[in-house]
Amino acid sequence: MAQQPTLSATPSTQEAPGQKLDCSNSTRPVWLIKVPKYLGVAFEKAAREDIGQLSIAKDAADPSKLSIVLKIKEGALEKDVPLEYEVPLVQFTSQKMAVLVKNNTDASGSAPGSLVMDGFVNRRADIRPLGAGGDKYMKMKQEQIKKAQTPVRTALLYDKVVNNFKPTMNNQLKRKGRGEEKEAKPEKRLREDREVVVERIMTAFEKHQYYTMPDLAEITKQPVGFLKEVLKEYCEYVSKGEHKSTYQLKPEYRTH
C-alpha cells in the first residue's frame, strides 16, 4: 500500500504585514484533485462524516503507478449519480503550486490566524466515473447543458388576433363636465417628466382606442402645448370618419 499524501484545499488568503509564513511542511507532497461540483458540495456538507472510501494500491501492470478508486456510500449523493470513481494521477510539472492554510490553533507554534504552508502539489488528477457510472454521468451532464440552454422566456405564436377588450370611444368622459369646465377658472398646469406623461397616455389607451384633446389633457394634467408635442410622437390625429377630431395610438404602439 502506497503512502497517502495529504489532501487539503483552502480559500486564497493574504498574509498580514509583519507576519512570518510557516514553511516547515513545504516539502510535503500534496495531490491536486479536480472533482465534479456535486461531489465538492457533498464533501463540504459531510464535514468530518464518513461518506465513502478511497482505495489506493499499486497498479498490477505497472508497480510504479497507483490504482486509486473512490467509492461513495449509498444515499450520500443524489439519485442517478455515479458512486464509483477512478483517480488517474499524473505528475504535476507544468508549474509550481503550494497549498496555504490558515492556522486555527497554536499547536504548530504559529500565531492563530496566520498562514501555514501545508505542502507543494506534485501530482494532479481529474476524477471520473467508473464503468456504467460514466453513462450516468454523461446523461446527467447532457441534462444540465439542455437545462442551461433553455431560455427563461419563450415566444408564443397566435394564428389570430387576440383582443383583450373592445376599443370604444370614451363618450362619457368626452361629455362629462364640459359646461362646468367653461364656467370654472382653468387651473394652471405645469409640465411633468416626459416619461411620466407617456406612461399616463399609454395607460389611458389601454382602456379606449380614441380620445379627444380635452380628454387627454384632463387625464395627463398637462398643458395643451406640451401635450401636443408628446402626442405627435406617439399618436395620430383622426381627421375624418366616425371618430373625427380624436387621437389614437400609432400602429406600432397599439395592442388591439
C-alpha atoms as a PDB file:
ATOM      1  CA  MET A   1       0.000   0.000   0.000  1.00  0.00           C
ATOM      2  CA  ALA A   2       1.477   3.337  -1.021  1.00  0.00           C
ATOM      3  CA  GLN A   3       1.658   6.177   1.466  1.00  0.00           C
ATOM      4  CA  GLN A   4      -1.256   8.595   1.010  1.00  0.00           C
ATOM      5  CA  PRO A   5      -0.238  12.276   0.661  1.00  0.00           C
ATOM      6  CA  THR A   6      -2.185  14.946   2.459  1.00  0.00           C
ATOM      7  CA  LEU A   7      -5.274  16.246   0.587  1.00  0.00           C
ATOM      8  CA  SER A   8      -6.064  19.832   1.537  1.00  0.00           C
ATOM      9  CA  ALA A   9      -7.665  22.913  -0.016  1.00  0.00           C
ATOM     10  CA  THR A  10      -8.202  26.374   1.381  1.00  0.00           C
ATOM     11  CA  PRO A  11      -9.544  29.672   0.018  1.00  0.00           C
ATOM     12  CA  SER A  12      -6.943  32.211  -1.051  1.00  0.00           C
ATOM     13  CA  THR A  13      -5.861  34.490   1.773  1.00  0.00           C
ATOM     14  CA  GLN A  14      -3.334  37.250   2.231  1.00  0.00           C
ATOM     15  CA  GLU A  15      -0.661  37.290   4.904  1.00  0.00           C
ATOM     16  CA  ALA A  16      -0.900  40.270   7.213  1.00  0.00           C
ATOM     17  CA  PRO A  17       2.075  42.657   7.078  1.00  0.00           C
ATOM     18  CA  GLY A  18       4.824  41.754   9.522  1.00  0.00           C
ATOM     19  CA  GLN A  19       3.782  38.083   9.957  1.00  0.00           C
ATOM     20  CA  LYS A  20       6.061  35.189   9.024  1.00  0.00           C
ATOM     21  CA  LEU A  21       4.973  32.261   6.853  1.00  0.00           C
ATOM     22  CA  ASP A  22       5.475  28.826   8.467  1.00  0.00           C
ATOM     23  CA  CYS A  23       7.248  26.703   5.813  1.00  0.00           C
ATOM     24  CA  SER A  24       8.001  23.630   7.954  1.00  0.00           C
ATOM     25  CA  ASN A  25       5.744  21.474   5.699  1.00  0.00           C
ATOM     26  CA  SER A  26       6.916  22.998   2.413  1.00  0.00           C
ATOM     27  CA  THR A  27       8.474  19.693   1.251  1.00  0.00           C
ATOM     28  CA  ARG A  28       5.382  17.572   1.876  1.00  0.00           C
ATOM     29  CA  PRO A  29       3.796  16.311  -1.400  1.00  0.00           C
ATOM     30  CA  VAL A  30       0.119  17.111  -1.953  1.00  0.00           C
ATOM     31  CA  TRP A  31      -2.328  15.875  -4.602  1.00  0.00           C
ATOM     32  CA  LEU A  32      -4.473  18.333  -6.556  1.00  0.00           C
ATOM     33  CA  ILE A  33      -7.761  16.542  -7.368  1.00  0.00           C
ATOM     34  CA  LYS A  34     -10.448  18.089  -9.563  1.00  0.00           C
ATOM     35  CA  VAL A  35     -13.941  16.769  -8.692  1.00  0.00           C
ATOM     36  CA  PRO A  36     -17.408  17.423 -10.146  1.00  0.00           C
ATOM     37  CA  LYS A  37     -19.356  20.192  -8.472  1.00  0.00           C
ATOM     38  CA  TYR A  38     -21.910  17.855  -6.869  1.00  0.00           C
ATOM     39  CA  LEU A  39     -19.095  15.852  -5.250  1.00  0.00           C
ATOM     40  CA  GLY A  40     -17.468  19.002  -3.906  1.00  0.00           C
ATOM     41  CA  VAL A  41     -20.800  20.097  -2.395  1.00  0.00           C
ATOM     42  CA  ALA A  42     -21.254  16.660  -0.805  1.00  0.00           C
ATOM     43  CA  PHE A  43     -17.753  16.810   0.732  1.00  0.00           C
ATOM     44  CA  GLU A  44     -18.421  20.267   2.196  1.00  0.00           C
ATOM     45  CA  LYS A  45     -21.756  19.185   3.702  1.00  0.00           C
ATOM     46  CA  ALA A  46     -20.293  15.982   5.139  1.00  0.00           C
ATOM     47  CA  ALA A  47     -17.522  17.857   7.034  1.00  0.00           C
ATOM     48  CA  ARG A  48     -15.864  15.059   9.092  1.00  0.00           C
ATOM     49  CA  GLU A  49     -18.609  12.496   8.427  1.00  0.00           C
ATOM     50  CA  ASP A  50     -17.589   9.343   6.530  1.00  0.00           C
ATOM     51  CA  ILE A  51     -19.396   9.294   3.157  1.00  0.00           C
ATOM     52  CA  GLY A  52     -17.116   6.959   1.207  1.00  0.00           C
ATOM     53  CA  GLN A  53     -13.878   5.016   0.935  1.00  0.00           C
ATOM     54  CA  LEU A  54     -10.678   5.768  -1.002  1.00  0.00           C
ATOM     55  CA  SER A  55      -8.744   2.660  -2.028  1.00  0.00           C
ATOM     56  CA  ILE A  56      -5.062   3.110  -3.003  1.00  0.00           C
ATOM     57  CA  ALA A  57      -2.981   0.241  -4.367  1.00  0.00           C
ATOM     58  CA  LYS A  58      -0.090  -0.346  -6.766  1.00  0.00           C
ATOM     59  CA  ASP A  59      -1.080  -0.937 -10.368  1.00  0.00           C
ATOM     60  CA  ALA A  60      -0.646  -4.643 -11.237  1.00  0.00           C
ATOM     61  CA  ALA A  61       0.592  -3.839 -14.742  1.00  0.00           C
ATOM     62  CA  ASP A  62       2.990  -1.084 -13.642  1.00  0.00           C
ATOM     63  CA  PRO A  63       4.076  -1.093  -9.952  1.00  0.00           C
ATOM     64  CA  SER A  64       5.387   2.467 -10.298  1.00  0.00           C
ATOM     65  CA  LYS A  65       1.819   3.681 -10.817  1.00  0.00           C
ATOM     66  CA  LEU A  66      -1.023   3.835  -8.299  1.00  0.00           C
ATOM     67  CA  SER A  67      -4.540   2.497  -8.809  1.00  0.00           C
ATOM     68  CA  ILE A  68      -6.948   4.741  -6.869  1.00  0.00           C
ATOM     69  CA  VAL A  69     -10.708   4.171  -6.616  1.00  0.00           C
ATOM     70  CA  LEU A  70     -13.216   6.315  -4.712  1.00  0.00           C
ATOM     71  CA  LYS A  71     -16.450   4.622  -3.593  1.00  0.00           C
ATOM     72  CA  ILE A  72     -19.262   6.773  -2.231  1.00  0.00           C
ATOM     73  CA  LYS A  73     -21.829   5.320   0.173  1.00  0.00           C
ATOM     74  CA  GLU A  74     -25.408   4.757  -0.978  1.00  0.00           C
ATOM     75  CA  GLY A  75     -27.606   7.748  -0.149  1.00  0.00           C
ATOM     76  CA  ALA A  76     -24.689  10.159   0.198  1.00  0.00           C
ATOM     77  CA  LEU A  77     -25.367  11.655  -3.236  1.00  0.00           C
ATOM     78  CA  GLU A  78     -28.444  12.491  -5.255  1.00  0.00           C
ATOM     79  CA  LYS A  79     -30.368   9.831  -7.170  1.00  0.00           C
ATOM     80  CA  ASP A  80     -28.928   8.605 -10.515  1.00  0.00           C
ATOM     81  CA  VAL A  81     -25.453   9.953  -9.678  1.00  0.00           C
ATOM     82  CA  PRO A  82     -22.399   7.664 -10.080  1.00  0.00           C
ATOM     83  CA  LEU A  83     -20.993   6.244  -6.841  1.00  0.00           C
ATOM     84  CA  GLU A  84     -17.633   4.833  -8.050  1.00  0.00           C
ATOM     85  CA  TYR A  85     -14.797   6.962  -9.463  1.00  0.00           C
ATOM     86  CA  GLU A  86     -11.234   6.471 -10.571  1.00  0.00           C
ATOM     87  CA  VAL A  87      -8.486   8.966  -9.783  1.00  0.00           C
ATOM     88  CA  PRO A  88      -5.859   8.843 -12.578  1.00  0.00           C
ATOM     89  CA  LEU A  89      -2.827  10.606 -11.104  1.00  0.00           C
ATOM     90  CA  VAL A  90      -0.258  12.306 -13.325  1.00  0.00           C
ATOM     91  CA  GLN A  91       2.942  14.132 -12.446  1.00  0.00           C
ATOM     92  CA  PHE A  92       2.456  17.871 -11.976  1.00  0.00           C
ATOM     93  CA  THR A  93       5.482  19.546 -13.525  1.00  0.00           C
ATOM     94  CA  SER A  94       3.973  22.303 -15.678  1.00  0.00           C
ATOM     95  CA  GLN A  95       4.162  24.837 -12.840  1.00  0.00           C
ATOM     96  CA  LYS A  96       4.907  25.116  -9.126  1.00  0.00           C
ATOM     97  CA  MET A  97       1.958  25.305  -6.730  1.00  0.00           C
ATOM     98  CA  ALA A  98       1.818  25.328  -2.946  1.00  0.00           C
ATOM     99  CA  VAL A  99      -1.048  24.823  -0.500  1.00  0.00           C
ATOM    100  CA  LEU A 100      -1.549  27.538   2.111  1.00  0.00           C
ATOM    101  CA  VAL A 101      -3.890  27.049   5.070  1.00  0.00           C
ATOM    102  CA  LYS A 102      -4.916  29.357   7.873  1.00  0.00           C
ATOM    103  CA  ASN A 103      -3.718  28.185  11.270  1.00  0.00           C
ATOM    104  CA  ASN A 104      -6.600  27.938  13.744  1.00  0.00           C
ATOM    105  CA  THR A 105      -4.577  26.590  16.674  1.00  0.00           C
ATOM    106  CA  ASP A 106      -1.245  27.352  18.274  1.00  0.00           C
ATOM    107  CA  ALA A 107      -0.052  23.709  18.124  1.00  0.00           C
ATOM    108  CA  SER A 108       2.334  24.422  15.250  1.00  0.00           C
ATOM    109  CA  GLY A 109       3.911  27.322  17.056  1.00  0.00           C
ATOM    110  CA  SER A 110       2.453  29.874  14.641  1.00  0.00           C
ATOM    111  CA  ALA A 111       0.049  32.554  15.756  1.00  0.00           C
ATOM    112  CA  PRO A 112      -3.648  31.635  15.345  1.00  0.00           C
ATOM    113  CA  GLY A 113      -4.984  33.083  12.078  1.00  0.00           C
ATOM    114  CA  SER A 114      -1.581  33.141  10.362  1.00  0.00           C
ATOM    115  CA  LEU A 115      -0.802  31.307   7.124  1.00  0.00           C
ATOM    116  CA  VAL A 116       0.972  27.958   7.098  1.00  0.00           C
ATOM    117  CA  MET A 117       2.411  26.227   4.015  1.00  0.00           C
ATOM    118  CA  ASP A 118       0.867  22.754   4.041  1.00  0.00           C
ATOM    119  CA  GLY A 119       2.852  21.304   1.143  1.00  0.00           C
ATOM    120  CA  PHE A 120       3.516  21.502  -2.573  1.00  0.00           C
ATOM    121  CA  VAL A 121       1.487  19.994  -5.436  1.00  0.00           C
ATOM    122  CA  ASN A 122       3.400  17.109  -7.053  1.00  0.00           C
ATOM    123  CA  ARG A 123       0.504  15.254  -8.724  1.00  0.00           C
ATOM    124  CA  ARG A 124      -2.880  16.148 -10.153  1.00  0.00           C
ATOM    125  CA  ALA A 125      -5.931  14.223 -11.354  1.00  0.00           C
ATOM    126  CA  ASP A 126      -9.372  14.768 -12.881  1.00  0.00           C
ATOM    127  CA  ILE A 127     -11.683  12.364 -11.107  1.00  0.00           C
ATOM    128  CA  ARG A 128     -14.051  10.451 -13.429  1.00  0.00           C
ATOM    129  CA  PRO A 129     -16.824   7.849 -13.018  1.00  0.00           C
ATOM    130  CA  LEU A 130     -16.074   4.135 -13.379  1.00  0.00           C
ATOM    131  CA  GLY A 131     -17.849   1.619 -15.636  1.00  0.00           C
ATOM    132  CA  ALA A 132     -21.582   2.170 -16.097  1.00  0.00           C
ATOM    133  CA  GLY A 133     -21.329   5.274 -13.947  1.00  0.00           C
ATOM    134  CA  GLY A 134     -19.753   7.029 -16.931  1.00  0.00           C
ATOM    135  CA  ASP A 135     -23.003   6.691 -18.887  1.00  0.00           C
ATOM    136  CA  LYS A 136     -24.970   8.091 -15.952  1.00  0.00           C
ATOM    137  CA  TYR A 137     -22.549  10.994 -15.670  1.00  0.00           C
ATOM    138  CA  MET A 138     -22.771  11.834 -19.403  1.00  0.00           C
ATOM    139  CA  LYS A 139     -26.566  11.683 -19.277  1.00  0.00           C
ATOM    140  CA  MET A 140     -26.594  13.973 -16.247  1.00  0.00           C
ATOM    141  CA  LYS A 141     -24.254  16.469 -17.964  1.00  0.00           C
ATOM    142  CA  GLN A 142     -26.441  16.450 -21.089  1.00  0.00           C
ATOM    143  CA  GLU A 143     -29.487  17.270 -18.959  1.00  0.00           C
ATOM    144  CA  GLN A 144     -27.592  20.103 -17.250  1.00  0.00           C
ATOM    145  CA  ILE A 145     -26.486  21.571 -20.604  1.00  0.00           C
ATOM    146  CA  LYS A 146     -30.014  21.259 -22.013  1.00  0.00           C
ATOM    147  CA  LYS A 147     -31.457  22.987 -18.949  1.00  0.00           C
ATOM    148  CA  ALA A 148     -28.875  25.788 -19.130  1.00  0.00           C
ATOM    149  CA  GLN A 149     -29.696  26.376 -22.810  1.00  0.00           C
ATOM    150  CA  THR A 150     -33.458  26.562 -22.212  1.00  0.00           C
ATOM    151  CA  PRO A 151     -34.494  30.245 -22.491  1.00  0.00           C
ATOM    152  CA  VAL A 152     -36.207  31.784 -19.485  1.00  0.00           C
ATOM    153  CA  ARG A 153     -38.771  33.442 -21.758  1.00  0.00           C
ATOM    154  CA  THR A 154     -40.461  31.849 -24.757  1.00  0.00           C
ATOM    155  CA  ALA A 155     -42.373  33.391 -27.651  1.00  0.00           C
ATOM    156  CA  LEU A 156     -45.945  32.265 -28.371  1.00  0.00           C
ATOM    157  CA  LEU A 157     -47.307  32.253 -31.931  1.00  0.00           C
ATOM    158  CA  TYR A 158     -51.001  33.138 -32.366  1.00  0.00           C
ATOM    159  CA  ASP A 159     -52.857  32.336 -35.590  1.00  0.00           C
ATOM    160  CA  LYS A 160     -55.451  35.054 -34.994  1.00  0.00           C
ATOM    161  CA  VAL A 161     -55.667  38.487 -33.407  1.00  0.00           C
ATOM    162  CA  VAL A 162     -56.398  38.435 -29.681  1.00  0.00           C
ATOM    163  CA  ASN A 163     -58.321  41.451 -28.342  1.00  0.00           C
ATOM    164  CA  ASN A 164     -58.271  41.865 -24.602  1.00  0.00           C
ATOM    165  CA  PHE A 165     -61.007  44.493 -24.806  1.00  0.00           C
ATOM    166  CA  LYS A 166     -63.287  46.098 -27.343  1.00  0.00           C
ATOM    167  CA  PRO A 167     -61.962  49.573 -28.246  1.00  0.00           C
ATOM    168  CA  THR A 168     -64.669  52.181 -27.796  1.00  0.00           C
ATOM    169  CA  MET A 169     -64.934  55.944 -27.783  1.00  0.00           C
ATOM    170  CA  ASN A 170     -64.915  57.445 -24.333  1.00  0.00           C
ATOM    171  CA  ASN A 171     -68.088  59.446 -24.953  1.00  0.00           C
ATOM    172  CA  GLN A 172     -68.962  59.659 -21.283  1.00  0.00           C
ATOM    173  CA  LEU A 173     -65.646  61.284 -20.394  1.00  0.00           C
ATOM    174  CA  LYS A 174     -65.913  63.456 -23.503  1.00  0.00           C
ATOM    175  CA  ARG A 175     -69.229  64.959 -22.438  1.00  0.00           C
ATOM    176  CA  LYS A 176     -68.820  64.927 -18.667  1.00  0.00           C
ATOM    177  CA  GLY A 177     -68.387  68.306 -17.033  1.00  0.00           C
ATOM    178  CA  ARG A 178     -67.920  70.304 -20.226  1.00  0.00           C
ATOM    179  CA  GLY A 179     -70.332  73.002 -19.115  1.00  0.00           C
ATOM    180  CA  GLU A 180     -68.710  73.206 -15.690  1.00  0.00           C
ATOM    181  CA  GLU A 181     -65.220  73.462 -17.190  1.00  0.00           C
ATOM    182  CA  LYS A 182     -66.211  76.523 -19.223  1.00  0.00           C
ATOM    183  CA  GLU A 183     -67.577  78.284 -16.179  1.00  0.00           C
ATOM    184  CA  ALA A 184     -64.813  77.259 -13.780  1.00  0.00           C
ATOM    185  CA  LYS A 185     -61.495  79.083 -13.716  1.00  0.00           C
ATOM    186  CA  PRO A 186     -58.914  76.945 -15.561  1.00  0.00           C
ATOM    187  CA  GLU A 187     -56.169  75.605 -13.340  1.00  0.00           C
ATOM    188  CA  LYS A 188     -52.547  76.285 -14.153  1.00  0.00           C
ATOM    189  CA  ARG A 189     -50.810  73.092 -15.204  1.00  0.00           C
ATOM    190  CA  LEU A 190     -47.061  72.531 -15.019  1.00  0.00           C
ATOM    191  CA  ARG A 191     -45.027  70.257 -17.223  1.00  0.00           C
ATOM    192  CA  GLU A 192     -44.060  66.925 -15.707  1.00  0.00           C
ATOM    193  CA  ASP A 193     -41.368  64.480 -16.759  1.00  0.00           C
ATOM    194  CA  ARG A 194     -41.923  63.292 -20.338  1.00  0.00           C
ATOM    195  CA  GLU A 195     -41.723  59.598 -19.395  1.00  0.00           C
ATOM    196  CA  VAL A 196     -44.440  60.051 -16.762  1.00  0.00           C
ATOM    197  CA  VAL A 197     -46.734  61.722 -19.309  1.00  0.00           C
ATOM    198  CA  VAL A 198     -46.124  58.965 -21.876  1.00  0.00           C
ATOM    199  CA  GLU A 199     -46.942  56.311 -19.268  1.00  0.00           C
ATOM    200  CA  ARG A 200     -50.263  58.027 -18.485  1.00  0.00           C
ATOM    201  CA  ILE A 201     -51.124  58.222 -22.174  1.00  0.00           C
ATOM    202  CA  MET A 202     -50.362  54.521 -22.730  1.00  0.00           C
ATOM    203  CA  THR A 203     -52.401  53.547 -19.675  1.00  0.00           C
ATOM    204  CA  ALA A 204     -55.369  55.557 -20.976  1.00  0.00           C
ATOM    205  CA  PHE A 205     -55.251  53.943 -24.418  1.00  0.00           C
ATOM    206  CA  GLU A 206     -55.334  50.507 -22.814  1.00  0.00           C
ATOM    207  CA  LYS A 207     -58.948  51.315 -21.856  1.00  0.00           C
ATOM    208  CA  HIS A 208     -60.144  53.120 -25.006  1.00  0.00           C
ATOM    209  CA  GLN A 209     -58.939  53.484 -28.572  1.00  0.00           C
ATOM    210  CA  TYR A 210     -59.937  57.121 -29.211  1.00  0.00           C
ATOM    211  CA  TYR A 211     -59.574  60.283 -27.106  1.00  0.00           C
ATOM    212  CA  THR A 212     -60.124  63.967 -27.750  1.00  0.00           C
ATOM    213  CA  MET A 213     -57.524  66.558 -26.831  1.00  0.00           C
ATOM    214  CA  PRO A 214     -59.531  67.891 -23.827  1.00  0.00           C
ATOM    215  CA  ASP A 215     -59.911  64.333 -22.532  1.00  0.00           C
ATOM    216  CA  LEU A 216     -56.166  63.652 -22.768  1.00  0.00           C
ATOM    217  CA  ALA A 217     -55.364  66.996 -21.162  1.00  0.00           C
ATOM    218  CA  GLU A 218     -57.629  66.099 -18.248  1.00  0.00           C
ATOM    219  CA  ILE A 219     -56.111  62.637 -17.886  1.00  0.00           C
ATOM    220  CA  THR A 220     -52.471  63.711 -18.077  1.00  0.00           C
ATOM    221  CA  LYS A 221     -52.902  67.069 -16.251  1.00  0.00           C
ATOM    222  CA  GLN A 222     -50.502  68.672 -18.725  1.00  0.00           C
ATOM    223  CA  PRO A 223     -50.508  71.969 -20.692  1.00  0.00           C
ATOM    224  CA  VAL A 224     -52.063  71.531 -24.142  1.00  0.00           C
ATOM    225  CA  GLY A 225     -48.950  72.797 -25.955  1.00  0.00           C
ATOM    226  CA  PHE A 226     -46.647  70.298 -24.274  1.00  0.00           C
ATOM    227  CA  LEU A 227     -49.212  67.506 -24.646  1.00  0.00           C
ATOM    228  CA  LYS A 228     -49.407  68.098 -28.413  1.00  0.00           C
ATOM    229  CA  GLU A 229     -45.623  67.612 -28.671  1.00  0.00           C
ATOM    230  CA  VAL A 230     -45.869  64.228 -26.951  1.00  0.00           C
ATOM    231  CA  LEU A 231     -48.924  63.121 -28.932  1.00  0.00           C
ATOM    232  CA  LYS A 232     -47.187  63.976 -32.205  1.00  0.00           C
ATOM    233  CA  GLU A 233     -44.597  61.281 -31.430  1.00  0.00           C
ATOM    234  CA  TYR A 234     -46.875  58.505 -30.175  1.00  0.00           C
ATOM    235  CA  CYS A 235     -50.344  59.216 -31.626  1.00  0.00           C
ATOM    236  CA  GLU A 236     -52.030  60.096 -34.901  1.00  0.00           C
ATOM    237  CA  TYR A 237     -54.891  62.542 -35.401  1.00  0.00           C
ATOM    238  CA  VAL A 238     -58.182  61.224 -36.878  1.00  0.00           C
ATOM    239  CA  SER A 239     -59.451  63.903 -39.290  1.00  0.00           C
ATOM    240  CA  LYS A 240     -62.469  62.103 -40.726  1.00  0.00           C
ATOM    241  CA  GLY A 241     -64.867  59.252 -40.156  1.00  0.00           C
ATOM    242  CA  GLU A 242     -66.870  58.220 -37.126  1.00  0.00           C
ATOM    243  CA  HIS A 243     -64.127  59.284 -34.663  1.00  0.00           C
ATOM    244  CA  LYS A 244     -63.276  62.575 -36.298  1.00  0.00           C
ATOM    245  CA  SER A 245     -61.214  65.102 -34.261  1.00  0.00           C
ATOM    246  CA  THR A 246     -59.799  62.453 -31.922  1.00  0.00           C
ATOM    247  CA  TYR A 247     -56.423  60.838 -31.310  1.00  0.00           C
ATOM    248  CA  GLN A 248     -55.404  57.191 -31.441  1.00  0.00           C
ATOM    249  CA  LEU A 249     -52.074  55.416 -30.934  1.00  0.00           C
ATOM    250  CA  LYS A 250     -49.822  54.886 -33.927  1.00  0.00           C
ATOM    251  CA  PRO A 251     -49.915  51.301 -35.279  1.00  0.00           C
ATOM    252  CA  GLU A 252     -46.517  50.394 -33.764  1.00  0.00           C
ATOM    253  CA  TYR A 253     -47.788  51.217 -30.246  1.00  0.00           C
ATOM    254  CA  ARG A 254     -51.226  49.570 -30.418  1.00  0.00           C
ATOM    255  CA  THR A 255     -52.131  46.347 -28.618  1.00  0.00           C
ATOM    256  CA  HIS A 256     -55.507  45.827 -30.310  1.00  0.00           C
END
